[in-house]
Amino acid sequence: MEQDNLYDEPVRLWQRIHPSYWAIVNQFILAYGIYVSNWDFYLLLYVLWVELFIVMITMLVRVTFAREYRRGFNMTGEKISFFFIGILLSTTCITLMKAMSYDLFSGEIRLGQFSAPLYLILLLGLNHVIRLGLHYFQNERFRKANPATEMIVSFMYQVGIVVILIAIGAYYLPRYPHAGEVKDMALKLLSFRLFMDLLYCGFHHTVIEWFSPPATIEALKKKKT
């Protein structure tokens, strides 16, 4: 009887939120900054650079709590290894972008350098935290998560952000130095960013299920469990 009640328990509101909401919210935040707050390429570069720190922190949390259906203490060595590898790779990305942006920001980049986008940076960070809470801890994904996979996927996402930053710093800034002209290039940047975010949040798995026969979906679900 108790088992039946478990299956009859209603699905709560936050359990209905698809991970792709995170990608959509990200685009709204960046689009607001570009089209409403009139960011120039310097501000956009700065905001995305700071987001690298946010992604690194969430990656380390994922690696720390990943269990892969095993007891936490049985994976201590593996977690420590990928924790420090993640720090090394993320620091490399952040340092690379700081070195490339040295002249652009007069040799110094710091969190309070630009006052305009700070609240939007906080919103980006909050969006990452909400996604981590809902779609890693609340749905208990951490129980089957693998530390290596979590580290690699997050690092590849950071590489995608670095690609955007390089495009802004090396291509767009020399050609479009004025604040208003970022709007002309925003559609390309935001489209690539949306594609990258949807991949990162696992939306492609949902698309595969949409176009897969029911028997194939059941086989995939059994394989995952």
N, C-alpha and C. Protein backbone atom coordinates (compact mmCIF):
# COMPACT_ATOMS: atom_id res chain seq x y z
N MET A 1 0.84 -1.21 0.00
CA MET A 1 0.00 0.00 0.00
C MET A 1 0.87 1.25 0.00
N GLU A 2 1.91 1.24 0.81
CA GLU A 2 2.82 2.39 0.85
C GLU A 2 3.51 2.57 -0.48
N GLN A 3 3.82 1.46 -1.16
CA GLN A 3 4.47 1.55 -2.46
C GLN A 3 3.54 2.20 -3.48
N ASP A 4 2.23 1.85 -3.42
CA ASP A 4 1.27 2.48 -4.33
C ASP A 4 1.20 3.97 -4.10
N ASN A 5 1.29 4.39 -2.84
CA ASN A 5 1.22 5.80 -2.54
C ASN A 5 2.41 6.56 -3.10
N LEU A 6 3.53 5.88 -3.14
CA LEU A 6 4.72 6.52 -3.71
C LEU A 6 4.52 6.84 -5.18
N TYR A 7 3.90 5.93 -5.91
CA TYR A 7 3.67 6.15 -7.34
C TYR A 7 2.56 7.16 -7.58
N ASP A 8 1.63 7.27 -6.63
CA ASP A 8 0.51 8.19 -6.78
C ASP A 8 0.87 9.61 -6.34
N GLU A 9 2.06 9.82 -5.82
CA GLU A 9 2.43 11.14 -5.33
C GLU A 9 2.47 12.14 -6.49
N PRO A 10 1.82 13.29 -6.37
CA PRO A 10 1.78 14.24 -7.49
C PRO A 10 3.15 14.81 -7.82
N VAL A 11 3.33 15.08 -9.12
CA VAL A 11 4.58 15.69 -9.57
C VAL A 11 4.57 17.16 -9.20
N ARG A 12 5.57 17.60 -8.49
CA ARG A 12 5.61 18.98 -8.02
C ARG A 12 6.04 19.92 -9.14
N LEU A 13 5.76 21.20 -8.94
CA LEU A 13 6.00 22.20 -9.99
C LEU A 13 7.44 22.21 -10.45
N TRP A 14 8.40 22.22 -9.49
CA TRP A 14 9.80 22.31 -9.90
C TRP A 14 10.29 21.05 -10.62
N GLN A 15 9.54 19.92 -10.44
CA GLN A 15 9.92 18.71 -11.15
C GLN A 15 9.48 18.74 -12.61
N ARG A 16 8.61 19.68 -12.96
CA ARG A 16 8.15 19.81 -14.34
C ARG A 16 9.04 20.74 -15.17
N ILE A 17 9.97 21.43 -14.52
CA ILE A 17 10.80 22.40 -15.22
C ILE A 17 11.90 21.67 -15.98
N HIS A 18 11.87 21.81 -17.29
CA HIS A 18 12.86 21.14 -18.13
C HIS A 18 14.20 21.84 -18.02
N PRO A 19 15.32 21.11 -18.12
CA PRO A 19 16.64 21.76 -18.02
C PRO A 19 16.88 22.85 -19.06
N SER A 20 16.16 22.80 -20.18
CA SER A 20 16.39 23.80 -21.23
C SER A 20 15.95 25.20 -20.81
N TYR A 21 15.16 25.29 -19.69
CA TYR A 21 14.78 26.62 -19.21
C TYR A 21 16.03 27.43 -18.93
N TRP A 22 17.07 26.76 -18.44
CA TRP A 22 18.31 27.41 -18.05
C TRP A 22 18.95 28.10 -19.26
N ALA A 23 18.95 27.41 -20.41
CA ALA A 23 19.51 28.00 -21.63
C ALA A 23 18.71 29.21 -22.08
N ILE A 24 17.38 29.11 -21.98
CA ILE A 24 16.52 30.22 -22.42
C ILE A 24 16.73 31.43 -21.51
N VAL A 25 16.79 31.21 -20.19
CA VAL A 25 17.01 32.31 -19.26
C VAL A 25 18.36 32.98 -19.51
N ASN A 26 19.38 32.17 -19.80
CA ASN A 26 20.69 32.74 -20.12
C ASN A 26 20.60 33.71 -21.29
N GLN A 27 19.85 33.31 -22.32
CA GLN A 27 19.74 34.17 -23.50
C GLN A 27 18.99 35.46 -23.19
N PHE A 28 17.96 35.37 -22.36
CA PHE A 28 17.21 36.57 -21.98
C PHE A 28 18.10 37.55 -21.23
N ILE A 29 18.95 37.02 -20.34
CA ILE A 29 19.83 37.89 -19.56
C ILE A 29 20.82 38.61 -20.47
N LEU A 30 21.46 37.86 -21.37
CA LEU A 30 22.43 38.47 -22.28
C LEU A 30 21.75 39.40 -23.27
N ALA A 31 20.58 39.00 -23.77
CA ALA A 31 19.86 39.86 -24.72
C ALA A 31 19.42 41.16 -24.05
N TYR A 32 19.01 41.08 -22.78
CA TYR A 32 18.64 42.30 -22.05
C TYR A 32 19.83 43.24 -21.93
N GLY A 33 20.98 42.67 -21.61
CA GLY A 33 22.17 43.51 -21.50
C GLY A 33 22.53 44.18 -22.81
N ILE A 34 22.41 43.44 -23.91
CA ILE A 34 22.81 43.97 -25.22
C ILE A 34 21.79 44.97 -25.76
N TYR A 35 20.50 44.59 -25.73
CA TYR A 35 19.48 45.40 -26.40
C TYR A 35 18.87 46.47 -25.50
N VAL A 36 18.85 46.24 -24.18
CA VAL A 36 18.23 47.21 -23.28
C VAL A 36 19.28 48.06 -22.57
N SER A 37 20.30 47.38 -22.00
CA SER A 37 21.34 48.12 -21.28
C SER A 37 22.43 48.66 -22.19
N ASN A 38 22.34 48.34 -23.50
CA ASN A 38 23.28 48.88 -24.50
C ASN A 38 24.74 48.55 -24.16
N TRP A 39 25.01 47.27 -23.88
CA TRP A 39 26.38 46.86 -23.65
C TRP A 39 27.23 47.08 -24.89
N ASP A 40 28.47 47.44 -24.68
CA ASP A 40 29.42 47.39 -25.79
C ASP A 40 30.14 46.04 -25.71
N PHE A 41 31.08 45.81 -26.64
CA PHE A 41 31.75 44.52 -26.66
C PHE A 41 32.65 44.33 -25.44
N TYR A 42 33.11 45.42 -24.84
CA TYR A 42 33.93 45.30 -23.64
C TYR A 42 33.12 44.72 -22.48
N LEU A 43 31.90 45.22 -22.32
CA LEU A 43 31.05 44.71 -21.24
C LEU A 43 30.66 43.26 -21.47
N LEU A 44 30.31 42.94 -22.73
CA LEU A 44 29.93 41.57 -23.05
C LEU A 44 31.10 40.62 -22.81
N LEU A 45 32.29 41.04 -23.21
CA LEU A 45 33.49 40.26 -22.97
C LEU A 45 33.71 40.03 -21.49
N TYR A 46 33.52 41.08 -20.71
CA TYR A 46 33.74 41.01 -19.27
C TYR A 46 32.75 40.07 -18.59
N VAL A 47 31.47 40.18 -18.96
CA VAL A 47 30.44 39.35 -18.35
C VAL A 47 30.68 37.86 -18.64
N LEU A 48 31.01 37.55 -19.88
CA LEU A 48 31.26 36.15 -20.23
C LEU A 48 32.53 35.63 -19.56
N TRP A 49 33.50 36.51 -19.39
CA TRP A 49 34.73 36.10 -18.71
C TRP A 49 34.44 35.77 -17.24
N VAL A 50 33.63 36.58 -16.58
CA VAL A 50 33.26 36.30 -15.20
C VAL A 50 32.44 35.01 -15.11
N GLU A 51 31.65 34.73 -16.15
CA GLU A 51 30.84 33.50 -16.12
C GLU A 51 31.73 32.26 -16.10
N LEU A 52 32.94 32.36 -16.62
CA LEU A 52 33.87 31.23 -16.54
C LEU A 52 34.11 30.82 -15.09
N PHE A 53 34.18 31.80 -14.19
CA PHE A 53 34.35 31.50 -12.77
C PHE A 53 33.13 30.76 -12.24
N ILE A 54 31.94 31.21 -12.65
CA ILE A 54 30.70 30.59 -12.18
C ILE A 54 30.63 29.13 -12.62
N VAL A 55 30.95 28.89 -13.90
CA VAL A 55 30.92 27.53 -14.43
C VAL A 55 31.94 26.65 -13.71
N MET A 56 33.11 27.20 -13.41
CA MET A 56 34.13 26.43 -12.71
C MET A 56 33.64 26.01 -11.33
N ILE A 57 32.99 26.92 -10.61
CA ILE A 57 32.49 26.60 -9.27
C ILE A 57 31.43 25.51 -9.33
N THR A 58 30.47 25.63 -10.25
CA THR A 58 29.43 24.61 -10.36
C THR A 58 30.02 23.26 -10.79
N MET A 59 31.06 23.31 -11.64
CA MET A 59 31.72 22.07 -12.05
C MET A 59 32.34 21.36 -10.85
N LEU A 60 33.01 22.13 -9.99
CA LEU A 60 33.66 21.53 -8.82
C LEU A 60 32.62 20.95 -7.86
N VAL A 61 31.47 21.60 -7.75
CA VAL A 61 30.40 21.05 -6.92
C VAL A 61 29.90 19.73 -7.49
N ARG A 62 29.73 19.68 -8.81
CA ARG A 62 29.27 18.46 -9.46
C ARG A 62 30.26 17.31 -9.24
N VAL A 63 31.54 17.60 -9.42
CA VAL A 63 32.56 16.57 -9.25
C VAL A 63 32.58 16.08 -7.80
N THR A 64 32.46 17.00 -6.86
CA THR A 64 32.54 16.65 -5.44
C THR A 64 31.42 15.72 -5.01
N PHE A 65 30.21 15.93 -5.52
CA PHE A 65 29.05 15.16 -5.05
C PHE A 65 28.65 14.03 -5.98
N ALA A 66 29.36 13.84 -7.10
CA ALA A 66 29.04 12.73 -8.00
C ALA A 66 29.32 11.40 -7.30
N ARG A 67 28.39 10.44 -7.44
CA ARG A 67 28.52 9.18 -6.69
C ARG A 67 28.59 7.94 -7.57
N GLU A 68 28.04 8.00 -8.76
CA GLU A 68 28.05 6.86 -9.70
C GLU A 68 27.56 5.57 -9.02
N TYR A 69 26.46 5.70 -8.29
CA TYR A 69 25.82 4.58 -7.59
C TYR A 69 26.77 3.87 -6.61
N ARG A 70 27.75 4.59 -6.11
CA ARG A 70 28.67 4.01 -5.14
C ARG A 70 28.71 4.89 -3.90
N ARG A 71 29.24 4.35 -2.84
CA ARG A 71 29.42 5.14 -1.63
C ARG A 71 30.47 6.21 -1.87
N GLY A 72 30.24 7.38 -1.28
CA GLY A 72 31.13 8.51 -1.52
C GLY A 72 32.58 8.23 -1.20
N PHE A 73 32.84 7.50 -0.10
CA PHE A 73 34.22 7.25 0.31
C PHE A 73 34.95 6.32 -0.65
N ASN A 74 34.21 5.54 -1.42
CA ASN A 74 34.83 4.64 -2.37
C ASN A 74 35.38 5.38 -3.59
N MET A 75 35.01 6.64 -3.74
CA MET A 75 35.43 7.43 -4.91
C MET A 75 36.29 8.62 -4.51
N THR A 76 36.78 8.62 -3.29
CA THR A 76 37.51 9.80 -2.81
C THR A 76 38.71 10.12 -3.69
N GLY A 77 39.52 9.11 -4.01
CA GLY A 77 40.70 9.35 -4.84
C GLY A 77 40.35 9.85 -6.21
N GLU A 78 39.31 9.26 -6.82
CA GLU A 78 38.87 9.69 -8.16
C GLU A 78 38.36 11.12 -8.12
N LYS A 79 37.58 11.44 -7.10
CA LYS A 79 37.03 12.79 -6.99
C LYS A 79 38.14 13.82 -6.81
N ILE A 80 39.10 13.51 -5.94
CA ILE A 80 40.20 14.45 -5.70
C ILE A 80 40.98 14.69 -6.99
N SER A 81 41.21 13.62 -7.75
CA SER A 81 41.96 13.75 -9.01
C SER A 81 41.25 14.67 -9.98
N PHE A 82 39.97 14.41 -10.23
CA PHE A 82 39.24 15.22 -11.21
C PHE A 82 38.91 16.60 -10.67
N PHE A 83 38.85 16.74 -9.35
CA PHE A 83 38.64 18.06 -8.75
C PHE A 83 39.81 18.97 -9.11
N PHE A 84 41.02 18.49 -8.91
CA PHE A 84 42.20 19.32 -9.17
C PHE A 84 42.48 19.43 -10.67
N ILE A 85 42.15 18.40 -11.44
CA ILE A 85 42.27 18.52 -12.90
C ILE A 85 41.31 19.58 -13.42
N GLY A 86 40.09 19.60 -12.85
CA GLY A 86 39.11 20.61 -13.23
C GLY A 86 39.59 22.02 -12.90
N ILE A 87 40.17 22.18 -11.71
CA ILE A 87 40.71 23.48 -11.33
C ILE A 87 41.81 23.90 -12.30
N LEU A 88 42.69 22.97 -12.65
CA LEU A 88 43.80 23.27 -13.56
C LEU A 88 43.30 23.69 -14.94
N LEU A 89 42.36 22.94 -15.49
CA LEU A 89 41.85 23.25 -16.83
C LEU A 89 41.06 24.56 -16.83
N SER A 90 40.23 24.75 -15.81
CA SER A 90 39.45 25.99 -15.73
C SER A 90 40.35 27.21 -15.55
N THR A 91 41.35 27.06 -14.69
CA THR A 91 42.28 28.16 -14.47
C THR A 91 43.03 28.49 -15.76
N THR A 92 43.34 27.47 -16.54
CA THR A 92 44.00 27.70 -17.84
C THR A 92 43.12 28.55 -18.75
N CYS A 93 41.83 28.22 -18.82
CA CYS A 93 40.89 29.00 -19.64
C CYS A 93 40.81 30.45 -19.16
N ILE A 94 40.66 30.62 -17.85
CA ILE A 94 40.51 31.96 -17.28
C ILE A 94 41.78 32.77 -17.48
N THR A 95 42.93 32.15 -17.24
CA THR A 95 44.21 32.85 -17.40
C THR A 95 44.45 33.21 -18.85
N LEU A 96 44.09 32.30 -19.77
CA LEU A 96 44.24 32.57 -21.19
C LEU A 96 43.46 33.80 -21.60
N MET A 97 42.21 33.89 -21.13
CA MET A 97 41.38 35.03 -21.51
C MET A 97 41.87 36.31 -20.84
N LYS A 98 42.39 36.22 -19.63
CA LYS A 98 42.93 37.41 -18.98
C LYS A 98 44.17 37.91 -19.73
N ALA A 99 45.02 36.97 -20.18
CA ALA A 99 46.21 37.36 -20.93
C ALA A 99 45.84 38.02 -22.25
N MET A 100 44.82 37.47 -22.91
CA MET A 100 44.39 38.02 -24.20
C MET A 100 43.72 39.38 -24.03
N SER A 101 43.13 39.60 -22.85
CA SER A 101 42.40 40.86 -22.61
C SER A 101 43.24 41.89 -21.86
N TYR A 102 44.52 41.61 -21.66
CA TYR A 102 45.39 42.47 -20.85
C TYR A 102 45.39 43.90 -21.37
N ASP A 103 45.60 44.08 -22.66
CA ASP A 103 45.65 45.42 -23.25
C ASP A 103 44.27 46.06 -23.32
N LEU A 104 43.25 45.24 -23.54
CA LEU A 104 41.89 45.78 -23.68
C LEU A 104 41.42 46.45 -22.40
N PHE A 105 41.81 45.88 -21.24
CA PHE A 105 41.36 46.41 -19.96
C PHE A 105 42.48 47.09 -19.19
N SER A 106 43.42 47.65 -19.92
CA SER A 106 44.53 48.42 -19.33
C SER A 106 45.30 47.61 -18.28
N GLY A 107 45.45 46.33 -18.54
CA GLY A 107 46.27 45.49 -17.69
C GLY A 107 45.61 44.96 -16.45
N GLU A 108 44.32 45.24 -16.23
CA GLU A 108 43.67 44.76 -15.00
C GLU A 108 42.19 44.48 -15.25
N ILE A 109 41.76 43.30 -14.82
CA ILE A 109 40.35 42.94 -14.86
C ILE A 109 39.94 42.55 -13.45
N ARG A 110 38.89 43.18 -12.94
CA ARG A 110 38.41 42.84 -11.60
C ARG A 110 36.88 42.91 -11.60
N LEU A 111 36.28 42.22 -10.63
CA LEU A 111 34.83 42.07 -10.62
C LEU A 111 34.10 43.41 -10.56
N GLY A 112 34.63 44.38 -9.83
CA GLY A 112 33.95 45.66 -9.68
C GLY A 112 34.33 46.70 -10.71
N GLN A 113 35.05 46.27 -11.76
CA GLN A 113 35.52 47.24 -12.74
C GLN A 113 34.37 47.88 -13.50
N PHE A 114 33.31 47.10 -13.74
CA PHE A 114 32.16 47.61 -14.46
C PHE A 114 30.95 47.53 -13.52
N SER A 115 30.35 48.64 -13.23
CA SER A 115 29.22 48.64 -12.30
C SER A 115 27.90 48.28 -12.99
N ALA A 116 27.80 48.55 -14.31
CA ALA A 116 26.54 48.37 -15.01
C ALA A 116 26.02 46.93 -14.99
N PRO A 117 26.86 45.92 -15.30
CA PRO A 117 26.28 44.58 -15.44
C PRO A 117 26.32 43.72 -14.19
N LEU A 118 26.65 44.27 -13.02
CA LEU A 118 26.82 43.42 -11.85
C LEU A 118 25.54 42.66 -11.49
N TYR A 119 24.38 43.30 -11.59
CA TYR A 119 23.15 42.61 -11.23
C TYR A 119 22.83 41.53 -12.25
N LEU A 120 23.22 41.73 -13.50
CA LEU A 120 23.01 40.70 -14.51
C LEU A 120 23.97 39.53 -14.31
N ILE A 121 25.18 39.82 -13.85
CA ILE A 121 26.12 38.75 -13.51
C ILE A 121 25.55 37.92 -12.36
N LEU A 122 24.96 38.59 -11.39
CA LEU A 122 24.34 37.88 -10.27
C LEU A 122 23.18 37.01 -10.76
N LEU A 123 22.42 37.50 -11.73
CA LEU A 123 21.33 36.71 -12.29
C LEU A 123 21.85 35.49 -13.03
N LEU A 124 22.95 35.68 -13.79
CA LEU A 124 23.56 34.54 -14.46
C LEU A 124 24.02 33.49 -13.44
N GLY A 125 24.66 33.97 -12.37
CA GLY A 125 25.10 33.05 -11.33
C GLY A 125 23.94 32.34 -10.67
N LEU A 126 22.86 33.08 -10.39
CA LEU A 126 21.68 32.48 -9.78
C LEU A 126 21.06 31.44 -10.69
N ASN A 127 21.05 31.71 -11.99
CA ASN A 127 20.52 30.75 -12.96
C ASN A 127 21.31 29.45 -12.93
N HIS A 128 22.63 29.55 -12.84
CA HIS A 128 23.47 28.36 -12.74
C HIS A 128 23.20 27.60 -11.45
N VAL A 129 23.03 28.33 -10.36
CA VAL A 129 22.79 27.69 -9.06
C VAL A 129 21.44 26.98 -9.05
N ILE A 130 20.40 27.62 -9.60
CA ILE A 130 19.07 27.00 -9.65
C ILE A 130 19.11 25.73 -10.48
N ARG A 131 19.80 25.79 -11.62
CA ARG A 131 19.91 24.59 -12.45
C ARG A 131 20.63 23.47 -11.70
N LEU A 132 21.68 23.83 -10.99
CA LEU A 132 22.42 22.83 -10.21
C LEU A 132 21.53 22.22 -9.13
N GLY A 133 20.73 23.06 -8.47
CA GLY A 133 19.87 22.56 -7.41
C GLY A 133 18.75 21.67 -7.94
N LEU A 134 18.10 22.10 -9.03
CA LEU A 134 16.95 21.36 -9.56
C LEU A 134 17.36 20.11 -10.33
N HIS A 135 18.35 20.26 -11.19
CA HIS A 135 18.65 19.20 -12.15
C HIS A 135 19.96 18.47 -11.86
N TYR A 136 20.40 18.57 -10.61
CA TYR A 136 21.53 17.75 -10.19
C TYR A 136 21.26 17.13 -8.82
N PHE A 137 20.75 17.97 -7.90
CA PHE A 137 20.48 17.47 -6.55
C PHE A 137 19.03 17.06 -6.36
N GLN A 138 18.10 17.93 -6.73
CA GLN A 138 16.69 17.62 -6.49
C GLN A 138 16.23 16.37 -7.25
N ASN A 139 16.68 16.21 -8.49
CA ASN A 139 16.29 15.02 -9.25
C ASN A 139 17.24 13.84 -9.02
N GLU A 140 18.19 14.04 -8.09
CA GLU A 140 19.13 13.01 -7.66
C GLU A 140 20.01 12.49 -8.79
N ARG A 141 20.30 13.34 -9.74
CA ARG A 141 21.24 12.96 -10.80
C ARG A 141 22.63 12.68 -10.23
N PHE A 142 22.97 13.35 -9.15
CA PHE A 142 24.29 13.18 -8.55
C PHE A 142 24.57 11.72 -8.17
N ARG A 143 23.50 10.95 -7.92
CA ARG A 143 23.68 9.55 -7.51
C ARG A 143 24.29 8.71 -8.63
N LYS A 144 23.95 9.02 -9.89
CA LYS A 144 24.49 8.24 -11.00
C LYS A 144 25.59 8.99 -11.76
N ALA A 145 25.86 10.24 -11.36
CA ALA A 145 26.84 11.05 -12.08
C ALA A 145 28.25 10.52 -11.88
N ASN A 146 29.05 10.63 -12.94
CA ASN A 146 30.45 10.22 -12.89
C ASN A 146 31.33 11.46 -12.79
N PRO A 147 32.28 11.52 -11.87
CA PRO A 147 33.11 12.72 -11.70
C PRO A 147 33.85 13.13 -12.97
N ALA A 148 34.38 12.14 -13.69
CA ALA A 148 35.12 12.44 -14.92
C ALA A 148 34.21 13.06 -15.97
N THR A 149 33.02 12.49 -16.13
CA THR A 149 32.07 13.02 -17.12
C THR A 149 31.64 14.43 -16.77
N GLU A 150 31.33 14.66 -15.50
CA GLU A 150 30.90 15.99 -15.07
C GLU A 150 32.01 17.02 -15.32
N MET A 151 33.25 16.64 -15.06
CA MET A 151 34.36 17.55 -15.26
C MET A 151 34.58 17.84 -16.74
N ILE A 152 34.56 16.80 -17.58
CA ILE A 152 34.83 16.96 -19.01
C ILE A 152 33.74 17.78 -19.69
N VAL A 153 32.47 17.47 -19.38
CA VAL A 153 31.36 18.20 -20.01
C VAL A 153 31.40 19.68 -19.62
N SER A 154 31.64 19.97 -18.35
CA SER A 154 31.72 21.36 -17.91
C SER A 154 32.91 22.08 -18.54
N PHE A 155 34.03 21.38 -18.66
CA PHE A 155 35.20 21.99 -19.29
C PHE A 155 34.95 22.29 -20.76
N MET A 156 34.29 21.38 -21.47
CA MET A 156 33.99 21.64 -22.88
C MET A 156 33.06 22.84 -23.02
N TYR A 157 32.14 23.01 -22.06
CA TYR A 157 31.29 24.19 -22.08
C TYR A 157 32.11 25.46 -21.87
N GLN A 158 33.09 25.39 -20.97
CA GLN A 158 33.98 26.52 -20.77
C GLN A 158 34.76 26.84 -22.04
N VAL A 159 35.18 25.81 -22.76
CA VAL A 159 35.88 26.03 -24.04
C VAL A 159 34.97 26.77 -25.03
N GLY A 160 33.68 26.40 -25.02
CA GLY A 160 32.73 27.11 -25.88
C GLY A 160 32.64 28.59 -25.54
N ILE A 161 32.62 28.92 -24.24
CA ILE A 161 32.60 30.31 -23.82
C ILE A 161 33.88 31.01 -24.25
N VAL A 162 35.01 30.32 -24.13
CA VAL A 162 36.29 30.90 -24.55
C VAL A 162 36.28 31.20 -26.04
N VAL A 163 35.68 30.32 -26.84
CA VAL A 163 35.58 30.56 -28.29
C VAL A 163 34.82 31.86 -28.56
N ILE A 164 33.72 32.07 -27.83
CA ILE A 164 32.97 33.32 -27.99
C ILE A 164 33.82 34.51 -27.57
N LEU A 165 34.55 34.39 -26.47
CA LEU A 165 35.39 35.49 -26.00
C LEU A 165 36.50 35.80 -27.00
N ILE A 166 37.08 34.78 -27.58
CA ILE A 166 38.12 35.00 -28.59
C ILE A 166 37.54 35.69 -29.81
N ALA A 167 36.33 35.27 -30.22
CA ALA A 167 35.67 35.91 -31.37
C ALA A 167 35.41 37.38 -31.10
N ILE A 168 34.98 37.70 -29.87
CA ILE A 168 34.73 39.10 -29.52
C ILE A 168 36.03 39.89 -29.49
N GLY A 169 37.03 39.36 -28.79
CA GLY A 169 38.27 40.10 -28.62
C GLY A 169 39.11 40.23 -29.87
N ALA A 170 39.15 39.16 -30.68
CA ALA A 170 40.05 39.15 -31.84
C ALA A 170 39.36 39.59 -33.12
N TYR A 171 38.04 39.44 -33.21
CA TYR A 171 37.37 39.74 -34.47
C TYR A 171 36.42 40.94 -34.37
N TYR A 172 35.50 40.88 -33.41
CA TYR A 172 34.46 41.90 -33.38
C TYR A 172 34.96 43.25 -32.87
N LEU A 173 35.77 43.23 -31.80
CA LEU A 173 36.23 44.50 -31.23
C LEU A 173 37.00 45.37 -32.23
N PRO A 174 37.94 44.81 -33.01
CA PRO A 174 38.66 45.66 -33.97
C PRO A 174 37.77 46.22 -35.07
N ARG A 175 36.67 45.55 -35.37
CA ARG A 175 35.81 45.96 -36.49
C ARG A 175 34.60 46.77 -36.04
N TYR A 176 34.14 46.53 -34.81
CA TYR A 176 32.94 47.21 -34.31
C TYR A 176 33.23 47.80 -32.94
N PRO A 177 33.97 48.88 -32.87
CA PRO A 177 34.40 49.41 -31.57
C PRO A 177 33.34 50.20 -30.82
N HIS A 178 32.24 50.58 -31.47
CA HIS A 178 31.26 51.44 -30.82
C HIS A 178 30.17 50.61 -30.14
N ALA A 179 29.61 51.19 -29.08
CA ALA A 179 28.67 50.45 -28.24
C ALA A 179 27.45 49.96 -29.00
N GLY A 180 26.86 50.81 -29.84
CA GLY A 180 25.64 50.44 -30.53
C GLY A 180 25.81 49.32 -31.53
N GLU A 181 27.02 49.13 -32.03
CA GLU A 181 27.23 48.16 -33.09
C GLU A 181 27.24 46.72 -32.60
N VAL A 182 27.27 46.51 -31.29
CA VAL A 182 27.20 45.14 -30.77
C VAL A 182 25.85 44.52 -31.12
N LYS A 183 24.82 45.34 -31.28
CA LYS A 183 23.49 44.83 -31.61
C LYS A 183 23.48 44.18 -33.00
N ASP A 184 24.33 44.67 -33.90
CA ASP A 184 24.37 44.10 -35.23
C ASP A 184 24.92 42.68 -35.23
N MET A 185 25.78 42.39 -34.28
CA MET A 185 26.42 41.08 -34.21
C MET A 185 25.76 40.17 -33.17
N ALA A 186 24.84 40.72 -32.39
CA ALA A 186 24.28 39.98 -31.25
C ALA A 186 23.56 38.72 -31.67
N LEU A 187 22.85 38.76 -32.79
CA LEU A 187 22.07 37.60 -33.20
C LEU A 187 22.98 36.39 -33.45
N LYS A 188 24.12 36.62 -34.08
CA LYS A 188 25.07 35.52 -34.32
C LYS A 188 25.62 34.98 -33.01
N LEU A 189 26.03 35.89 -32.14
CA LEU A 189 26.61 35.47 -30.87
C LEU A 189 25.60 34.73 -30.00
N LEU A 190 24.39 35.27 -29.91
CA LEU A 190 23.37 34.66 -29.06
C LEU A 190 22.90 33.33 -29.63
N SER A 191 22.87 33.21 -30.97
CA SER A 191 22.47 31.94 -31.58
C SER A 191 23.47 30.84 -31.26
N PHE A 192 24.75 31.17 -31.37
CA PHE A 192 25.78 30.18 -31.03
C PHE A 192 25.74 29.86 -29.54
N ARG A 193 25.52 30.88 -28.74
CA ARG A 193 25.46 30.66 -27.29
C ARG A 193 24.26 29.79 -26.93
N LEU A 194 23.10 30.01 -27.57
CA LEU A 194 21.92 29.19 -27.29
C LEU A 194 22.17 27.74 -27.66
N PHE A 195 22.78 27.52 -28.82
CA PHE A 195 23.11 26.15 -29.25
C PHE A 195 24.03 25.48 -28.24
N MET A 196 25.03 26.21 -27.79
CA MET A 196 25.99 25.69 -26.82
C MET A 196 25.31 25.38 -25.49
N ASP A 197 24.44 26.26 -25.03
CA ASP A 197 23.75 26.06 -23.75
C ASP A 197 22.80 24.87 -23.80
N LEU A 198 22.11 24.70 -24.94
CA LEU A 198 21.18 23.58 -25.07
C LEU A 198 21.94 22.25 -25.04
N LEU A 199 23.11 22.22 -25.66
CA LEU A 199 23.93 21.01 -25.58
C LEU A 199 24.36 20.74 -24.14
N TYR A 200 24.76 21.79 -23.45
CA TYR A 200 25.26 21.65 -22.09
C TYR A 200 24.19 21.18 -21.11
N CYS A 201 22.96 21.60 -21.34
CA CYS A 201 21.88 21.21 -20.42
C CYS A 201 21.25 19.88 -20.82
N GLY A 202 21.79 19.22 -21.86
CA GLY A 202 21.31 17.90 -22.23
C GLY A 202 20.04 17.89 -23.04
N PHE A 203 19.71 19.01 -23.69
CA PHE A 203 18.47 19.09 -24.46
C PHE A 203 18.49 18.10 -25.63
N HIS A 204 19.69 17.78 -26.14
CA HIS A 204 19.77 16.86 -27.29
C HIS A 204 19.25 15.47 -26.93
N HIS A 205 19.33 15.08 -25.64
CA HIS A 205 18.77 13.80 -25.23
C HIS A 205 17.25 13.81 -25.37
N THR A 206 16.64 14.96 -25.04
CA THR A 206 15.18 15.09 -25.19
C THR A 206 14.78 15.01 -26.65
N VAL A 207 15.53 15.65 -27.54
CA VAL A 207 15.24 15.62 -28.97
C VAL A 207 15.33 14.19 -29.50
N ILE A 208 16.35 13.46 -29.05
CA ILE A 208 16.49 12.06 -29.47
C ILE A 208 15.27 11.25 -29.06
N GLU A 209 14.77 11.49 -27.84
CA GLU A 209 13.59 10.76 -27.37
C GLU A 209 12.35 11.14 -28.16
N TRP A 210 12.25 12.42 -28.59
CA TRP A 210 11.10 12.84 -29.38
C TRP A 210 10.98 12.02 -30.67
N PHE A 211 12.11 11.75 -31.30
CA PHE A 211 12.10 11.10 -32.61
C PHE A 211 12.48 9.62 -32.54
N SER A 212 12.47 9.06 -31.32
CA SER A 212 12.78 7.64 -31.16
C SER A 212 11.50 6.84 -30.96
N PRO A 213 11.42 5.62 -31.51
CA PRO A 213 10.25 4.76 -31.27
C PRO A 213 10.14 4.44 -29.79
N PRO A 214 8.93 4.18 -29.29
CA PRO A 214 8.73 3.89 -27.87
C PRO A 214 9.61 2.75 -27.36
N ALA A 215 9.79 1.70 -28.16
CA ALA A 215 10.60 0.57 -27.72
C ALA A 215 12.05 1.00 -27.48
N THR A 216 12.54 1.87 -28.37
CA THR A 216 13.91 2.35 -28.23
C THR A 216 14.06 3.21 -26.99
N ILE A 217 13.06 4.03 -26.69
CA ILE A 217 13.09 4.88 -25.50
C ILE A 217 13.15 4.03 -24.24
N GLU A 218 12.31 2.97 -24.20
CA GLU A 218 12.33 2.11 -23.02
C GLU A 218 13.67 1.42 -22.85
N ALA A 219 14.27 1.01 -23.97
CA ALA A 219 15.59 0.37 -23.90
C ALA A 219 16.65 1.34 -23.38
N LEU A 220 16.55 2.62 -23.83
CA LEU A 220 17.50 3.62 -23.38
C LEU A 220 17.35 3.88 -21.87
N LYS A 221 16.09 3.95 -21.41
CA LYS A 221 15.84 4.20 -19.99
C LYS A 221 16.36 3.05 -19.13
N LYS A 222 16.16 1.80 -19.59
CA LYS A 222 16.68 0.67 -18.84
C LYS A 222 18.18 0.65 -18.80
N LYS A 223 18.79 1.08 -19.92
CA LYS A 223 20.24 1.14 -19.98
C LYS A 223 20.80 2.16 -19.03
N LYS A 224 20.09 3.32 -18.90
CA LYS A 224 20.54 4.39 -17.99
C LYS A 224 20.45 3.94 -16.55
N THR A 225 19.40 3.19 -16.21
CA THR A 225 19.22 2.77 -14.83
C THR A 225 20.04 1.54 -14.48
